[in-house]
Amino acid sequence: MSVGSGILGPDVRFEDRLIPSLEEMERRITHWKGVGARVVLTSGSFDLIHLGHVKYLTRAKQLGDLLVVGVDSDAKIRGRKGPGRPMVPERERLELLAHQRPVDLLYLKDEDEPRWGLIKAVSPDVLVLSEDNKYSAAEQEELREYCGQIEVLERQASVTTSERIRQMHMHMGEQLGPELGRAIQDQLPELIDDILTRR
């Protein structure tokens, strides 16, 4: 395979980048390690992809040759963040990530995945975690059994997806508040009259 073809070429080739199973991921990674590639793994929700995500992925890719990204499924995110999330459905999040230059392979992590299934399948040379990861120090030590090294990256932007969503809701409230107030005020006499006539 030449450098200009396959997942290393300029085309997105989404279906080639999205790996359907842990077994297939392990097979692909074994191939890439066999030709000397240094494999990096990271995971996340990547909901409402923003500059912080893109910079984070770029930093992660700089630590090796092949970047594998695990993406939390819609069900997994809902279980952790509530029914209003994700804002962007999993298929779209996966495709958006496939268009990011640093990303080589993708895997959709469902809520019934075995614990650390993707980490064990990839056995990355470098596991990249964000500084606000949920792993305890003891868990990170346990993870070293499956990884060459663990790198913890600081946030690459001052605003997280959750903060961005809160800002959008606040901004929407600021814009809609006066309009709703006027609409309610215009309709209030009719509403009161309707309530009184029902008694």
Protein backbone atom coordinates (compact mmCIF):
# COMPACT_ATOMS: atom_id res chain seq x y z
CA MET A 1 0.00 0.00 0.00
CA SER A 2 1.43 3.37 -0.95
CA VAL A 3 1.31 6.30 1.48
CA GLY A 4 -1.23 8.06 -0.77
CA SER A 5 -3.84 5.30 -0.54
CA GLY A 6 -5.99 3.63 2.12
CA ILE A 7 -6.52 5.36 5.45
CA LEU A 8 -3.27 7.31 5.02
CA GLY A 9 -4.43 8.88 1.76
CA PRO A 10 -6.21 12.20 1.23
CA ASP A 11 -9.70 10.70 0.92
CA VAL A 12 -11.91 10.27 3.99
CA ARG A 13 -12.71 6.57 3.28
CA PHE A 14 -15.09 6.51 6.25
CA GLU A 15 -16.03 2.84 5.85
CA ASP A 16 -12.34 1.87 5.95
CA ARG A 17 -11.67 3.97 9.05
CA LEU A 18 -14.67 2.79 11.10
CA ILE A 19 -13.78 -0.61 12.57
CA PRO A 20 -16.89 -2.75 13.30
CA SER A 21 -15.61 -5.03 16.09
CA LEU A 22 -12.90 -5.40 18.70
CA GLU A 23 -11.66 -8.52 16.90
CA GLU A 24 -11.26 -6.62 13.63
CA MET A 25 -9.58 -3.75 15.49
CA GLU A 26 -7.08 -6.17 17.04
CA ARG A 27 -6.36 -7.69 13.60
CA ARG A 28 -5.78 -4.26 12.02
CA ILE A 29 -3.58 -3.07 14.86
CA THR A 30 -1.48 -6.25 14.74
CA HIS A 31 -0.85 -5.50 11.06
CA TRP A 32 0.15 -1.87 11.71
CA LYS A 33 2.42 -2.79 14.61
CA GLY A 34 3.96 -5.48 12.39
CA VAL A 35 5.13 -2.81 9.96
CA GLY A 36 6.58 -0.75 12.80
CA ALA A 37 3.80 1.78 13.42
CA ARG A 38 3.60 3.38 16.86
CA VAL A 39 -0.09 3.20 17.84
CA VAL A 40 -1.85 5.87 19.90
CA LEU A 41 -5.32 5.46 21.39
CA THR A 42 -7.73 7.96 22.85
CA SER A 43 -11.49 7.97 23.49
CA GLY A 44 -14.32 10.37 24.21
CA SER A 45 -17.79 11.59 23.34
CA PHE A 46 -16.73 14.25 20.82
CA ASP A 47 -20.16 15.85 21.00
CA LEU A 48 -20.36 19.22 19.22
CA ILE A 49 -16.78 18.96 17.96
CA HIS A 50 -14.92 22.19 18.70
CA LEU A 51 -11.39 23.58 18.46
CA GLY A 52 -10.37 21.96 21.75
CA HIS A 53 -11.21 18.52 20.33
CA VAL A 54 -9.25 19.16 17.14
CA LYS A 55 -6.17 20.40 19.02
CA TYR A 56 -6.41 17.45 21.42
CA LEU A 57 -6.49 14.97 18.51
CA THR A 58 -3.54 16.73 16.88
CA ARG A 59 -1.51 16.51 20.10
CA ALA A 60 -2.44 12.83 20.47
CA LYS A 61 -1.37 12.02 16.88
CA GLN A 62 2.01 13.68 17.47
CA LEU A 63 2.78 10.92 19.99
CA GLY A 64 2.81 8.17 17.35
CA ASP A 65 2.12 7.11 13.78
CA LEU A 66 -1.44 5.78 13.90
CA LEU A 67 -4.23 7.38 15.95
CA VAL A 68 -7.19 5.21 17.00
CA VAL A 69 -10.18 7.07 18.44
CA GLY A 70 -12.89 5.36 20.49
CA VAL A 71 -16.20 7.23 20.30
CA ASP A 72 -18.93 6.81 22.93
CA SER A 73 -22.28 5.69 21.51
CA ASP A 74 -25.44 7.74 21.95
CA ALA A 75 -26.71 5.25 24.57
CA LYS A 76 -23.45 5.39 26.52
CA ILE A 77 -23.51 9.20 26.59
CA ARG A 78 -27.19 9.32 27.61
CA GLY A 79 -26.45 6.94 30.48
CA ARG A 80 -23.69 9.23 31.73
CA LYS A 81 -24.93 12.74 30.86
CA GLY A 82 -28.72 12.41 30.74
CA PRO A 83 -31.49 12.32 28.13
CA GLY A 84 -30.57 15.65 26.50
CA ARG A 85 -27.23 14.39 25.26
CA PRO A 86 -25.59 13.85 22.91
CA MET A 87 -26.45 16.91 20.86
CA VAL A 88 -25.01 15.27 17.73
CA PRO A 89 -25.95 11.65 16.87
CA GLU A 90 -23.21 9.00 16.86
CA ARG A 91 -23.08 8.47 13.10
CA GLU A 92 -22.52 12.19 12.49
CA ARG A 93 -19.91 12.40 15.26
CA LEU A 94 -18.05 9.46 13.71
CA GLU A 95 -18.13 11.02 10.26
CA LEU A 96 -16.97 14.38 11.61
CA LEU A 97 -14.03 12.66 13.27
CA ALA A 98 -13.19 10.76 10.06
CA HIS A 99 -12.73 14.17 8.43
CA GLN A 100 -10.18 15.24 11.04
CA ARG A 101 -6.66 14.92 9.66
CA PRO A 102 -5.07 13.28 12.74
CA VAL A 103 -7.67 10.47 13.02
CA ASP A 104 -6.78 7.17 11.34
CA LEU A 105 -9.16 4.55 12.80
CA LEU A 106 -12.48 4.87 14.65
CA TYR A 107 -14.42 2.54 16.91
CA LEU A 108 -17.92 3.07 18.32
CA LYS A 109 -17.96 2.17 22.04
CA ASP A 110 -21.36 0.92 23.17
CA GLU A 111 -22.63 0.82 26.74
CA ASP A 112 -22.31 -2.97 26.96
CA GLU A 113 -18.64 -3.04 25.94
CA PRO A 114 -16.40 -5.12 28.19
CA ARG A 115 -14.36 -3.01 30.64
CA TRP A 116 -11.38 -1.53 28.81
CA GLY A 117 -12.26 -3.67 25.77
CA LEU A 118 -10.87 -1.22 23.23
CA ILE A 119 -7.73 -0.58 25.26
CA LYS A 120 -7.08 -4.33 25.50
CA ALA A 121 -7.76 -4.87 21.78
CA VAL A 122 -5.43 -2.07 20.71
CA SER A 123 -2.76 -2.44 23.44
CA PRO A 124 -1.54 1.00 22.40
CA ASP A 125 2.03 2.16 22.57
CA VAL A 126 0.52 5.36 23.99
CA LEU A 127 -2.85 5.78 25.70
CA VAL A 128 -3.87 9.44 25.71
CA LEU A 129 -6.21 10.70 28.43
CA SER A 130 -7.56 14.19 29.00
CA GLU A 131 -6.73 15.83 32.32
CA ASP A 132 -10.37 15.58 33.39
CA ASN A 133 -10.51 11.80 32.82
CA LYS A 134 -12.39 9.64 35.30
CA TYR A 135 -9.60 7.12 35.96
CA SER A 136 -8.24 6.97 39.50
CA ALA A 137 -4.48 6.76 40.07
CA ALA A 138 -4.91 3.05 40.89
CA GLU A 139 -6.85 2.45 37.64
CA GLN A 140 -4.22 4.28 35.63
CA GLU A 141 -1.59 2.05 37.19
CA GLU A 142 -3.68 -1.02 36.28
CA LEU A 143 -4.05 0.28 32.70
CA ARG A 144 -0.27 0.23 32.28
CA GLU A 145 -0.55 -3.56 31.88
CA TYR A 146 -2.15 -2.92 28.45
CA CYS A 147 -0.27 0.22 27.35
CA GLY A 148 3.31 1.17 26.64
CA GLN A 149 2.75 4.55 28.29
CA ILE A 150 -0.05 6.85 29.41
CA GLU A 151 -0.03 10.52 28.48
CA VAL A 152 -2.42 12.94 30.16
CA LEU A 153 -3.11 16.05 28.08
CA GLU A 154 -4.41 19.31 29.48
CA ARG A 155 -7.54 20.87 28.00
CA GLN A 156 -6.87 22.36 24.60
CA ALA A 157 -9.62 24.99 24.86
CA SER A 158 -11.18 26.97 27.68
CA VAL A 159 -14.73 25.87 26.79
CA THR A 160 -15.97 22.27 27.03
CA THR A 161 -18.95 20.91 25.12
CA SER A 162 -21.10 21.02 28.28
CA GLU A 163 -20.13 24.66 28.88
CA ARG A 164 -20.85 25.49 25.23
CA ILE A 165 -24.34 23.94 25.53
CA ARG A 166 -25.02 25.92 28.73
CA GLN A 167 -23.93 29.11 26.96
CA MET A 168 -26.24 28.34 24.02
CA HIS A 169 -29.19 27.79 26.37
CA MET A 170 -28.46 30.98 28.30
CA HIS A 171 -28.11 32.98 25.09
CA MET A 172 -31.34 31.50 23.76
CA GLY A 173 -33.09 32.41 27.01
CA GLU A 174 -31.80 35.97 26.78
CA GLN A 175 -33.11 36.26 23.22
CA LEU A 176 -36.43 34.49 23.77
CA GLY A 177 -37.21 35.97 27.19
CA PRO A 178 -38.46 39.37 26.01
CA GLU A 179 -40.33 37.81 23.06
CA LEU A 180 -42.04 35.26 25.29
CA GLY A 181 -42.88 37.99 27.81
CA ARG A 182 -44.56 40.08 25.11
CA ALA A 183 -46.41 37.07 23.69
CA ILE A 184 -47.69 36.05 27.13
CA GLN A 185 -48.65 39.61 27.94
CA ASP A 186 -50.61 39.86 24.67
CA GLN A 187 -52.40 36.56 25.32
CA LEU A 188 -52.90 36.97 29.08
CA PRO A 189 -56.33 38.67 29.02
CA GLU A 190 -57.67 35.99 26.68
CA LEU A 191 -56.18 33.20 28.82
CA ILE A 192 -57.68 34.64 32.02
CA ASP A 193 -61.05 35.04 30.33
CA ASP A 194 -60.89 31.44 29.08
CA ILE A 195 -60.04 30.13 32.56
CA LEU A 196 -62.87 32.11 34.16
CA THR A 197 -65.46 30.94 31.64
CA ARG A 198 -64.55 27.28 32.29
CA ARG A 199 -65.47 27.61 35.97
